[in-house]
């Protein structure tokens, strides 16, 4: 038994933080940021938690699917920036929606949403699940070092969600982890223990840009090839690729290595930046609502991120 996507939803905060705005905070410029990562602006939460943003994306996905919250049998959320460890982000969304299903979070950084989607697909394949809600939501602005121009210019806040059910759209999937904390990490900080003696990095995103770039290009290219092989197709058969929005140069290089036109890769990084686990569902929701998808289209979703991690899947639309 496979799955089908019944509805998608996304939400980003109202506040737009442009590169020119950032140039007043750190030594940077619109030209510097655009040349290196392809981001012009990003959204920043002023008063909404990650869970509150997740709820708004979830409601839009439920509306698109024609499903009521009380009909949900499962809820899985991916995040690295929940405003509380307990209750989990998914538990907060469950309460806000008035749902009654089991709810839990997963953490695989920017790949988290696709890890969550594959987990939900496995629950559905086991049987007993009619409707599941899968969420990616991040308030990364709370974990950034706003004095570090190498990281604070890259990330943004937002959320995305899918409602899924049993079906036959899910043709291939792949999850990947390569334990590594030198390329990209977010420390939880020292905490409150008066006994713990090990020094920890302050609570912030730390990234080795060159190492992360090399991993991301390799992961995106290899995962798309392996997914196509698993589905019995070639990369040229794909109608759309929805990649994690981390760096436009990563996507451009991957397109050239796969010998695919860049137009097949859906991109919105210029407007939102890297929203981590929310990146793929936000992008897919925009594509789904654009009117560009046709029944039978083959779509690959692929993500890479801290952990180090990678994840991908191929679906047949409609």
C-alpha atoms as a PDB file:
ATOM      1  CA  UNK A   1       0.000   0.000   0.000  1.00  0.00           C
ATOM      2  CA  UNK A   2       1.311   3.427  -0.975  1.00  0.00           C
ATOM      3  CA  UNK A   3       0.070   6.954  -0.248  1.00  0.00           C
ATOM      4  CA  UNK A   4      -1.528   9.873  -2.007  1.00  0.00           C
ATOM      5  CA  UNK A   5      -1.300  13.571  -1.196  1.00  0.00           C
ATOM      6  CA  UNK A   6      -4.796  14.895  -0.575  1.00  0.00           C
ATOM      7  CA  UNK A   7      -3.890  18.485   0.260  1.00  0.00           C
ATOM      8  CA  UNK A   8      -0.958  20.796   0.876  1.00  0.00           C
ATOM      9  CA  UNK A   9      -0.571  24.015   2.834  1.00  0.00           C
ATOM     10  CA  UNK A  10       2.124  26.531   3.725  1.00  0.00           C
ATOM     11  CA  UNK A  11       2.559  29.617   5.862  1.00  0.00           C
ATOM     12  CA  UNK A  12       5.305  32.226   6.196  1.00  0.00           C
ATOM     13  CA  UNK A  13       5.353  35.194   8.599  1.00  0.00           C
ATOM     14  CA  UNK A  14       4.507  38.666   7.362  1.00  0.00           C
ATOM     15  CA  UNK A  15       7.820  40.353   8.185  1.00  0.00           C
ATOM     16  CA  UNK A  16      10.206  40.476   5.237  1.00  0.00           C
ATOM     17  CA  UNK A  17      13.893  40.884   6.061  1.00  0.00           C
ATOM     18  CA  UNK A  18      15.806  41.941   2.948  1.00  0.00           C
ATOM     19  CA  UNK A  19      19.508  41.733   2.261  1.00  0.00           C
ATOM     20  CA  UNK A  20      19.661  45.508   2.526  1.00  0.00           C
ATOM     21  CA  UNK A  21      18.118  45.244   6.001  1.00  0.00           C
ATOM     22  CA  UNK A  22      20.782  42.694   6.971  1.00  0.00           C
ATOM     23  CA  UNK A  23      23.558  44.933   5.671  1.00  0.00           C
ATOM     24  CA  UNK A  24      22.689  47.310   8.527  1.00  0.00           C
ATOM     25  CA  UNK A  25      23.210  44.490  11.054  1.00  0.00           C
ATOM     26  CA  UNK A  26      26.309  42.695   9.729  1.00  0.00           C
ATOM     27  CA  UNK A  27      28.981  43.356   7.118  1.00  0.00           C
ATOM     28  CA  UNK A  28      27.246  42.121   3.986  1.00  0.00           C
ATOM     29  CA  UNK A  29      25.381  43.317   0.896  1.00  0.00           C
ATOM     30  CA  UNK A  30      22.625  42.236  -1.447  1.00  0.00           C
ATOM     31  CA  UNK A  31      25.226  41.513  -4.143  1.00  0.00           C
ATOM     32  CA  UNK A  32      27.359  39.370  -1.787  1.00  0.00           C
ATOM     33  CA  UNK A  33      24.407  37.264  -0.632  1.00  0.00           C
ATOM     34  CA  UNK A  34      22.829  36.870  -4.074  1.00  0.00           C
ATOM     35  CA  UNK A  35      26.121  35.753  -5.634  1.00  0.00           C
ATOM     36  CA  UNK A  36      26.828  33.161  -2.949  1.00  0.00           C
ATOM     37  CA  UNK A  37      23.408  31.688  -2.132  1.00  0.00           C
ATOM     38  CA  UNK A  38      20.789  33.365  -4.348  1.00  0.00           C
ATOM     39  CA  UNK A  39      18.677  34.767  -1.507  1.00  0.00           C
ATOM     40  CA  UNK A  40      17.219  38.276  -1.698  1.00  0.00           C
ATOM     41  CA  UNK A  41      14.861  38.185   1.290  1.00  0.00           C
ATOM     42  CA  UNK A  42      13.484  35.901   3.959  1.00  0.00           C
ATOM     43  CA  UNK A  43      10.526  35.856   6.367  1.00  0.00           C
ATOM     44  CA  UNK A  44      11.056  36.343  10.097  1.00  0.00           C
ATOM     45  CA  UNK A  45       8.538  35.658  12.855  1.00  0.00           C
ATOM     46  CA  UNK A  46       7.860  38.610  15.140  1.00  0.00           C
ATOM     47  CA  UNK A  47       5.265  37.021  17.437  1.00  0.00           C
ATOM     48  CA  UNK A  48       4.418  33.497  16.211  1.00  0.00           C
ATOM     49  CA  UNK A  49       5.976  30.320  17.548  1.00  0.00           C
ATOM     50  CA  UNK A  50       6.980  27.463  15.243  1.00  0.00           C
ATOM     51  CA  UNK A  51       3.866  25.596  16.411  1.00  0.00           C
ATOM     52  CA  UNK A  52       1.593  28.542  15.631  1.00  0.00           C
ATOM     53  CA  UNK A  53       3.019  28.781  12.125  1.00  0.00           C
ATOM     54  CA  UNK A  54       2.635  25.010  11.775  1.00  0.00           C
ATOM     55  CA  UNK A  55      -1.030  25.220  12.752  1.00  0.00           C
ATOM     56  CA  UNK A  56      -1.709  27.740   9.979  1.00  0.00           C
ATOM     57  CA  UNK A  57      -0.029  25.585   7.348  1.00  0.00           C
ATOM     58  CA  UNK A  58      -1.873  22.531   8.673  1.00  0.00           C
ATOM     59  CA  UNK A  59      -5.273  24.230   8.446  1.00  0.00           C
ATOM     60  CA  UNK A  60      -4.587  25.178   4.831  1.00  0.00           C
ATOM     61  CA  UNK A  61      -3.595  21.596   4.004  1.00  0.00           C
ATOM     62  CA  UNK A  62      -6.701  20.238   5.734  1.00  0.00           C
ATOM     63  CA  UNK A  63      -8.916  22.708   3.858  1.00  0.00           C
ATOM     64  CA  UNK A  64      -7.322  21.684   0.555  1.00  0.00           C
ATOM     65  CA  UNK A  65      -7.890  18.009   1.395  1.00  0.00           C
ATOM     66  CA  UNK A  66     -11.459  18.513   2.614  1.00  0.00           C
ATOM     67  CA  UNK A  67     -10.563  16.780   5.882  1.00  0.00           C
ATOM     68  CA  UNK A  68     -11.572  17.813   9.394  1.00  0.00           C
ATOM     69  CA  UNK A  69      -8.970  17.730  12.197  1.00  0.00           C
ATOM     70  CA  UNK A  70     -10.955  15.135  14.140  1.00  0.00           C
ATOM     71  CA  UNK A  71     -10.643  12.751  11.163  1.00  0.00           C
ATOM     72  CA  UNK A  72      -6.847  12.618  11.468  1.00  0.00           C
ATOM     73  CA  UNK A  73      -5.354   9.319  12.645  1.00  0.00           C
ATOM     74  CA  UNK A  74      -1.729  10.448  12.873  1.00  0.00           C
ATOM     75  CA  UNK A  75       0.335  13.627  13.021  1.00  0.00           C
ATOM     76  CA  UNK A  76       4.118  13.858  12.557  1.00  0.00           C
ATOM     77  CA  UNK A  77       6.050  17.130  12.665  1.00  0.00           C
ATOM     78  CA  UNK A  78       9.650  17.816  11.690  1.00  0.00           C
ATOM     79  CA  UNK A  79      11.529  20.672  13.344  1.00  0.00           C
ATOM     80  CA  UNK A  80      14.853  21.730  14.839  1.00  0.00           C
ATOM     81  CA  UNK A  81      13.509  24.957  16.323  1.00  0.00           C
ATOM     82  CA  UNK A  82      10.441  24.140  18.365  1.00  0.00           C
ATOM     83  CA  UNK A  83       9.831  26.691  21.100  1.00  0.00           C
ATOM     84  CA  UNK A  84       9.571  23.932  23.686  1.00  0.00           C
ATOM     85  CA  UNK A  85      11.019  20.468  24.143  1.00  0.00           C
ATOM     86  CA  UNK A  86       7.813  19.338  25.804  1.00  0.00           C
ATOM     87  CA  UNK A  87       5.039  19.535  24.720  1.00  0.00           C
ATOM     88  CA  UNK A  88       6.323  18.668  21.260  1.00  0.00           C
ATOM     89  CA  UNK A  89       5.502  20.905  18.323  1.00  0.00           C
ATOM     90  CA  UNK A  90       3.090  18.279  16.971  1.00  0.00           C
ATOM     91  CA  UNK A  91       1.338  18.039  20.336  1.00  0.00           C
ATOM     92  CA  UNK A  92       0.819  21.793  20.371  1.00  0.00           C
ATOM     93  CA  UNK A  93      -0.583  21.678  16.835  1.00  0.00           C
ATOM     94  CA  UNK A  94      -2.844  18.762  17.753  1.00  0.00           C
ATOM     95  CA  UNK A  95      -4.303  20.737  20.648  1.00  0.00           C
ATOM     96  CA  UNK A  96      -4.732  23.886  18.545  1.00  0.00           C
ATOM     97  CA  UNK A  97      -6.512  21.963  15.787  1.00  0.00           C
ATOM     98  CA  UNK A  98      -8.721  19.984  18.160  1.00  0.00           C
ATOM     99  CA  UNK A  99      -7.459  16.680  16.759  1.00  0.00           C
ATOM    100  CA  UNK A 100      -7.313  13.502  18.853  1.00  0.00           C
ATOM    101  CA  UNK A 101      -4.684  11.384  17.064  1.00  0.00           C
ATOM    102  CA  UNK A 102      -1.195  10.337  18.151  1.00  0.00           C
ATOM    103  CA  UNK A 103       1.318  13.107  17.459  1.00  0.00           C
ATOM    104  CA  UNK A 104       5.099  13.154  17.638  1.00  0.00           C
ATOM    105  CA  UNK A 105       8.119  15.042  16.283  1.00  0.00           C
ATOM    106  CA  UNK A 106      11.150  13.936  14.264  1.00  0.00           C
ATOM    107  CA  UNK A 107      14.466  15.734  13.905  1.00  0.00           C
ATOM    108  CA  UNK A 108      16.647  15.259  10.871  1.00  0.00           C
ATOM    109  CA  UNK A 109      17.397  18.934  10.218  1.00  0.00           C
ATOM    110  CA  UNK A 110      16.571  20.117   6.690  1.00  0.00           C
ATOM    111  CA  UNK A 111      15.708  16.561   5.606  1.00  0.00           C
ATOM    112  CA  UNK A 112      13.219  16.213   8.454  1.00  0.00           C
ATOM    113  CA  UNK A 113      10.001  16.700   6.502  1.00  0.00           C
ATOM    114  CA  UNK A 114      10.829  13.892   4.073  1.00  0.00           C
ATOM    115  CA  UNK A 115      11.861  11.660   7.000  1.00  0.00           C
ATOM    116  CA  UNK A 116       8.460  12.425   8.546  1.00  0.00           C
ATOM    117  CA  UNK A 117       6.634  11.799   5.262  1.00  0.00           C
ATOM    118  CA  UNK A 118       8.306   8.412   4.820  1.00  0.00           C
ATOM    119  CA  UNK A 119       7.507   7.516   8.436  1.00  0.00           C
ATOM    120  CA  UNK A 120       3.847   8.396   7.899  1.00  0.00           C
ATOM    121  CA  UNK A 121       3.840   6.357   4.680  1.00  0.00           C
ATOM    122  CA  UNK A 122       5.141   3.361   6.652  1.00  0.00           C
ATOM    123  CA  UNK A 123       2.339   3.734   9.209  1.00  0.00           C
ATOM    124  CA  UNK A 124      -0.208   3.826   6.399  1.00  0.00           C
ATOM    125  CA  UNK A 125       1.347   0.755   4.749  1.00  0.00           C
ATOM    126  CA  UNK A 126       1.000  -1.115   8.049  1.00  0.00           C
ATOM    127  CA  UNK A 127      -2.722  -0.414   7.985  1.00  0.00           C
ATOM    128  CA  UNK A 128      -5.208   1.297  10.266  1.00  0.00           C
ATOM    129  CA  UNK A 129      -4.381   4.882   9.229  1.00  0.00           C
ATOM    130  CA  UNK A 130      -6.814   6.725   6.959  1.00  0.00           C
ATOM    131  CA  UNK A 131      -5.527  10.292   7.140  1.00  0.00           C
ATOM    132  CA  UNK A 132      -2.174  11.575   8.349  1.00  0.00           C
ATOM    133  CA  UNK A 133      -0.881  15.113   8.700  1.00  0.00           C
ATOM    134  CA  UNK A 134       2.830  15.697   8.056  1.00  0.00           C
ATOM    135  CA  UNK A 135       4.363  19.048   8.996  1.00  0.00           C
ATOM    136  CA  UNK A 136       7.676  20.856   8.617  1.00  0.00           C
ATOM    137  CA  UNK A 137       7.915  24.029  10.707  1.00  0.00           C
ATOM    138  CA  UNK A 138      10.828  26.215  11.740  1.00  0.00           C
ATOM    139  CA  UNK A 139      11.493  29.425  13.626  1.00  0.00           C
ATOM    140  CA  UNK A 140      15.187  29.404  12.826  1.00  0.00           C
ATOM    141  CA  UNK A 141      15.520  33.072  13.693  1.00  0.00           C
ATOM    142  CA  UNK A 142      15.571  32.005  17.349  1.00  0.00           C
ATOM    143  CA  UNK A 143      18.691  29.833  16.966  1.00  0.00           C
ATOM    144  CA  UNK A 144      20.808  32.016  14.669  1.00  0.00           C
ATOM    145  CA  UNK A 145      23.838  34.035  15.653  1.00  0.00           C
ATOM    146  CA  UNK A 146      22.776  37.389  14.237  1.00  0.00           C
ATOM    147  CA  UNK A 147      26.381  38.628  14.298  1.00  0.00           C
ATOM    148  CA  UNK A 148      27.603  35.806  12.017  1.00  0.00           C
ATOM    149  CA  UNK A 149      27.138  36.823   8.383  1.00  0.00           C
ATOM    150  CA  UNK A 150      27.992  33.335   7.139  1.00  0.00           C
ATOM    151  CA  UNK A 151      24.791  31.896   8.658  1.00  0.00           C
ATOM    152  CA  UNK A 152      22.315  34.642   9.534  1.00  0.00           C
ATOM    153  CA  UNK A 153      21.883  35.637   5.874  1.00  0.00           C
ATOM    154  CA  UNK A 154      20.859  32.121   4.822  1.00  0.00           C
ATOM    155  CA  UNK A 155      17.919  31.084   6.973  1.00  0.00           C
ATOM    156  CA  UNK A 156      14.284  32.096   7.367  1.00  0.00           C
ATOM    157  CA  UNK A 157      11.089  31.089   9.187  1.00  0.00           C
ATOM    158  CA  UNK A 158       8.061  29.250   7.826  1.00  0.00           C
ATOM    159  CA  UNK A 159       5.972  26.083   7.755  1.00  0.00           C
ATOM    160  CA  UNK A 160       4.459  23.604   5.341  1.00  0.00           C
ATOM    161  CA  UNK A 161       2.150  20.587   5.608  1.00  0.00           C
ATOM    162  CA  UNK A 162       0.706  17.641   3.680  1.00  0.00           C
ATOM    163  CA  UNK A 163      -2.433  15.634   4.348  1.00  0.00           C
ATOM    164  CA  UNK A 164      -1.890  12.103   3.066  1.00  0.00           C
ATOM    165  CA  UNK A 165      -3.978   8.950   2.781  1.00  0.00           C
ATOM    166  CA  UNK A 166      -3.651   5.439   1.317  1.00  0.00           C
ATOM    167  CA  UNK A 167      -3.103   5.606  -2.435  1.00  0.00           C
ATOM    168  CA  UNK A 168      -0.673   4.823  -5.232  1.00  0.00           C
ATOM    169  CA  UNK A 169       1.321   8.029  -5.726  1.00  0.00           C
ATOM    170  CA  UNK A 170       4.453   7.166  -3.721  1.00  0.00           C
ATOM    171  CA  UNK A 171       6.776   5.396  -6.144  1.00  0.00           C
ATOM    172  CA  UNK A 172      10.161   5.508  -4.401  1.00  0.00           C
ATOM    173  CA  UNK A 173      11.782   6.815  -1.236  1.00  0.00           C
ATOM    174  CA  UNK A 174      15.227   7.004   0.331  1.00  0.00           C
ATOM    175  CA  UNK A 175      16.585   8.104   3.712  1.00  0.00           C
ATOM    176  CA  UNK A 176      20.277   8.710   4.431  1.00  0.00           C
ATOM    177  CA  UNK A 177      22.334   9.610   7.514  1.00  0.00           C
ATOM    178  CA  UNK A 178      26.064  10.163   7.837  1.00  0.00           C
ATOM    179  CA  UNK A 179      26.798  11.098  11.428  1.00  0.00           C
ATOM    180  CA  UNK A 180      28.755  14.367  11.395  1.00  0.00           C
ATOM    181  CA  UNK A 181      28.775  17.425  13.630  1.00  0.00           C
ATOM    182  CA  UNK A 182      31.588  19.382  11.953  1.00  0.00           C
ATOM    183  CA  UNK A 183      29.770  20.455   8.774  1.00  0.00           C
ATOM    184  CA  UNK A 184      26.573  21.789  10.351  1.00  0.00           C
ATOM    185  CA  UNK A 185      25.346  21.756  13.927  1.00  0.00           C
ATOM    186  CA  UNK A 186      23.000  23.477  16.352  1.00  0.00           C
ATOM    187  CA  UNK A 187      24.125  23.112  19.946  1.00  0.00           C
ATOM    188  CA  UNK A 188      21.586  22.811  22.732  1.00  0.00           C
ATOM    189  CA  UNK A 189      23.844  24.900  24.952  1.00  0.00           C
ATOM    190  CA  UNK A 190      25.293  24.119  28.359  1.00  0.00           C
ATOM    191  CA  UNK A 191      21.978  23.893  30.186  1.00  0.00           C
ATOM    192  CA  UNK A 192      21.385  24.225  33.927  1.00  0.00           C
ATOM    193  CA  UNK A 193      23.371  21.336  35.420  1.00  0.00           C
ATOM    194  CA  UNK A 194      25.905  22.521  38.037  1.00  0.00           C
ATOM    195  CA  UNK A 195      27.725  19.175  37.613  1.00  0.00           C
ATOM    196  CA  UNK A 196      28.337  19.016  33.849  1.00  0.00           C
ATOM    197  CA  UNK A 197      31.913  20.026  33.074  1.00  0.00           C
ATOM    198  CA  UNK A 198      32.188  19.719  29.293  1.00  0.00           C
ATOM    199  CA  UNK A 199      32.264  23.000  27.377  1.00  0.00           C
ATOM    200  CA  UNK A 200      29.552  23.278  24.725  1.00  0.00           C
ATOM    201  CA  UNK A 201      29.030  25.678  21.848  1.00  0.00           C
ATOM    202  CA  UNK A 202      26.475  28.380  22.680  1.00  0.00           C
ATOM    203  CA  UNK A 203      22.943  27.829  21.367  1.00  0.00           C
ATOM    204  CA  UNK A 204      23.390  28.754  17.696  1.00  0.00           C
ATOM    205  CA  UNK A 205      23.803  27.439  14.161  1.00  0.00           C
ATOM    206  CA  UNK A 206      27.423  26.639  13.272  1.00  0.00           C
ATOM    207  CA  UNK A 207      28.256  25.727   9.674  1.00  0.00           C
ATOM    208  CA  UNK A 208      31.281  24.852   7.582  1.00  0.00           C
ATOM    209  CA  UNK A 209      29.986  26.234   4.312  1.00  0.00           C
ATOM    210  CA  UNK A 210      32.400  24.490   1.951  1.00  0.00           C
ATOM    211  CA  UNK A 211      31.963  21.041   3.520  1.00  0.00           C
ATOM    212  CA  UNK A 212      28.177  21.459   3.610  1.00  0.00           C
ATOM    213  CA  UNK A 213      28.120  22.562  -0.047  1.00  0.00           C
ATOM    214  CA  UNK A 214      30.068  19.506  -1.224  1.00  0.00           C
ATOM    215  CA  UNK A 215      27.856  17.130   0.761  1.00  0.00           C
ATOM    216  CA  UNK A 216      24.663  18.776  -0.505  1.00  0.00           C
ATOM    217  CA  UNK A 217      25.617  18.593  -4.197  1.00  0.00           C
ATOM    218  CA  UNK A 218      26.647  14.940  -3.908  1.00  0.00           C
ATOM    219  CA  UNK A 219      23.558  14.008  -1.908  1.00  0.00           C
ATOM    220  CA  UNK A 220      21.094  15.744  -4.232  1.00  0.00           C
ATOM    221  CA  UNK A 221      22.602  14.231  -7.375  1.00  0.00           C
ATOM    222  CA  UNK A 222      23.019  10.701  -6.006  1.00  0.00           C
ATOM    223  CA  UNK A 223      19.612  10.565  -4.340  1.00  0.00           C
ATOM    224  CA  UNK A 224      17.782  11.622  -7.502  1.00  0.00           C
ATOM    225  CA  UNK A 225      19.641   8.976  -9.514  1.00  0.00           C
ATOM    226  CA  UNK A 226      18.952   6.257  -6.925  1.00  0.00           C
ATOM    227  CA  UNK A 227      15.293   7.223  -6.580  1.00  0.00           C
ATOM    228  CA  UNK A 228      14.811   7.094 -10.351  1.00  0.00           C
ATOM    229  CA  UNK A 229      16.478   3.685 -10.482  1.00  0.00           C
ATOM    230  CA  UNK A 230      14.172   2.475  -7.707  1.00  0.00           C
ATOM    231  CA  UNK A 231      11.112   3.785  -9.565  1.00  0.00           C
ATOM    232  CA  UNK A 232      12.232   2.311 -12.892  1.00  0.00           C
ATOM    233  CA  UNK A 233      12.638   5.662 -14.621  1.00  0.00           C
ATOM    234  CA  UNK A 234      15.474   8.031 -15.601  1.00  0.00           C
ATOM    235  CA  UNK A 235      16.069  11.574 -14.315  1.00  0.00           C
ATOM    236  CA  UNK A 236      15.011  12.809 -17.762  1.00  0.00           C
ATOM    237  CA  UNK A 237      11.557  11.276 -17.152  1.00  0.00           C
ATOM    238  CA  UNK A 238      10.961  13.592 -14.203  1.00  0.00           C
ATOM    239  CA  UNK A 239       8.617  16.492 -14.848  1.00  0.00           C
ATOM    240  CA  UNK A 240       9.539  18.415 -11.706  1.00  0.00           C
ATOM    241  CA  UNK A 241      12.141  18.316  -8.972  1.00  0.00           C
ATOM    242  CA  UNK A 242      11.356  20.054  -5.679  1.00  0.00           C
ATOM    243  CA  UNK A 243      14.715  20.379  -3.913  1.00  0.00           C
ATOM    244  CA  UNK A 244      15.575  21.718  -0.504  1.00  0.00           C
ATOM    245  CA  UNK A 245      16.088  25.463  -0.899  1.00  0.00           C
ATOM    246  CA  UNK A 246      19.552  25.974   0.598  1.00  0.00           C
ATOM    247  CA  UNK A 247      21.679  27.521  -2.128  1.00  0.00           C
ATOM    248  CA  UNK A 248      20.866  28.225  -5.769  1.00  0.00           C
ATOM    249  CA  UNK A 249      24.406  27.206  -6.759  1.00  0.00           C
ATOM    250  CA  UNK A 250      23.840  23.724  -5.296  1.00  0.00           C
ATOM    251  CA  UNK A 251      20.726  23.278  -7.416  1.00  0.00           C
ATOM    252  CA  UNK A 252      22.367  24.694 -10.535  1.00  0.00           C
ATOM    253  CA  UNK A 253      25.373  22.374 -10.231  1.00  0.00           C
ATOM    254  CA  UNK A 254      23.127  19.363  -9.621  1.00  0.00           C
ATOM    255  CA  UNK A 255      21.053  20.204 -12.709  1.00  0.00           C
ATOM    256  CA  UNK A 256      24.196  20.338 -14.841  1.00  0.00           C
ATOM    257  CA  UNK A 257      25.507  17.034 -13.464  1.00  0.00           C
ATOM    258  CA  UNK A 258      22.170  15.348 -14.136  1.00  0.00           C
ATOM    259  CA  UNK A 259      21.991  17.002 -17.583  1.00  0.00           C
ATOM    260  CA  UNK A 260      18.574  18.425 -16.764  1.00  0.00           C
ATOM    261  CA  UNK A 261      17.225  21.899 -17.571  1.00  0.00           C
ATOM    262  CA  UNK A 262      17.212  24.161 -14.524  1.00  0.00           C
ATOM    263  CA  UNK A 263      13.561  24.929 -15.305  1.00  0.00           C
ATOM    264  CA  UNK A 264      12.614  21.474 -13.996  1.00  0.00           C
ATOM    265  CA  UNK A 265      13.790  22.481 -10.510  1.00  0.00           C
ATOM    266  CA  UNK A 266      11.191  24.457  -8.582  1.00  0.00           C
ATOM    267  CA  UNK A 267      12.909  27.281  -6.711  1.00  0.00           C
ATOM    268  CA  UNK A 268      11.712  29.995  -4.327  1.00  0.00           C
ATOM    269  CA  UNK A 269      14.915  30.467  -2.330  1.00  0.00           C
ATOM    270  CA  UNK A 270      15.207  34.098  -3.442  1.00  0.00           C
ATOM    271  CA  UNK A 271      12.044  34.952  -1.485  1.00  0.00           C
ATOM    272  CA  UNK A 272      12.252  32.687   1.575  1.00  0.00           C
ATOM    273  CA  UNK A 273      15.847  31.563   2.088  1.00  0.00           C
ATOM    274  CA  UNK A 274      16.547  28.244   3.771  1.00  0.00           C
ATOM    275  CA  UNK A 275      13.606  27.286   6.002  1.00  0.00           C
ATOM    276  CA  UNK A 276      15.104  23.893   6.898  1.00  0.00           C
ATOM    277  CA  UNK A 277      12.429  21.202   7.313  1.00  0.00           C
ATOM    278  CA  UNK A 278       9.739  23.601   6.035  1.00  0.00           C
ATOM    279  CA  UNK A 279      11.559  24.186   2.751  1.00  0.00           C
ATOM    280  CA  UNK A 280      10.272  21.240   0.687  1.00  0.00           C
ATOM    281  CA  UNK A 281       6.596  21.432   1.780  1.00  0.00           C
ATOM    282  CA  UNK A 282       6.483  25.223   1.259  1.00  0.00           C
ATOM    283  CA  UNK A 283       7.933  24.790  -2.231  1.00  0.00           C
ATOM    284  CA  UNK A 284       5.672  21.864  -3.098  1.00  0.00           C
ATOM    285  CA  UNK A 285       2.586  23.756  -1.911  1.00  0.00           C
ATOM    286  CA  UNK A 286       3.474  26.693  -4.163  1.00  0.00           C
ATOM    287  CA  UNK A 287       3.992  24.363  -7.108  1.00  0.00           C
ATOM    288  CA  UNK A 288       0.725  22.501  -6.422  1.00  0.00           C
ATOM    289  CA  UNK A 289      -1.226  25.769  -6.272  1.00  0.00           C
ATOM    290  CA  UNK A 290       0.496  27.281  -9.327  1.00  0.00           C
ATOM    291  CA  UNK A 291      -1.566  25.303 -11.834  1.00  0.00           C
ATOM    292  CA  UNK A 292       1.614  23.922 -13.418  1.00  0.00           C
ATOM    293  CA  UNK A 293       1.144  20.332 -12.252  1.00  0.00           C
ATOM    294  CA  UNK A 294      -0.634  17.892 -14.547  1.00  0.00           C
ATOM    295  CA  UNK A 295      -2.119  14.507 -13.770  1.00  0.00           C
ATOM    296  CA  UNK A 296       0.540  11.858 -14.187  1.00  0.00           C
ATOM    297  CA  UNK A 297       3.483  14.232 -13.634  1.00  0.00           C
ATOM    298  CA  UNK A 298       6.503  12.579 -12.022  1.00  0.00           C
ATOM    299  CA  UNK A 299       7.873  14.715  -9.191  1.00  0.00           C
ATOM    300  CA  UNK A 300      11.006  14.147  -7.135  1.00  0.00           C
ATOM    301  CA  UNK A 301      11.399  15.765  -3.730  1.00  0.00           C
ATOM    302  CA  UNK A 302      14.911  15.803  -2.317  1.00  0.00           C
ATOM    303  CA  UNK A 303      16.504  17.331   0.778  1.00  0.00           C
ATOM    304  CA  UNK A 304      19.847  17.399   2.547  1.00  0.00           C
ATOM    305  CA  UNK A 305      20.969  18.900   5.813  1.00  0.00           C
ATOM    306  CA  UNK A 306      22.644  18.650   9.175  1.00  0.00           C
ATOM    307  CA  UNK A 307      23.205  15.309  10.777  1.00  0.00           C
ATOM    308  CA  UNK A 308      24.414  14.892   8.087  1.00  0.00           C
ATOM    309  CA  UNK A 309      21.221  13.688   6.441  1.00  0.00           C
ATOM    310  CA  UNK A 310      19.523  13.270   3.117  1.00  0.00           C
ATOM    311  CA  UNK A 311      16.072  12.164   2.023  1.00  0.00           C
ATOM    312  CA  UNK A 312      14.038  11.944  -1.127  1.00  0.00           C
ATOM    313  CA  UNK A 313      10.979  10.466  -2.799  1.00  0.00           C
ATOM    314  CA  UNK A 314       9.250  10.303  -6.149  1.00  0.00           C
ATOM    315  CA  UNK A 315       5.504  10.649  -6.546  1.00  0.00           C
ATOM    316  CA  UNK A 316       3.142  10.456  -9.521  1.00  0.00           C
ATOM    317  CA  UNK A 317       0.747  13.387  -9.315  1.00  0.00           C
ATOM    318  CA  UNK A 318      -3.003  13.066  -9.598  1.00  0.00           C
END
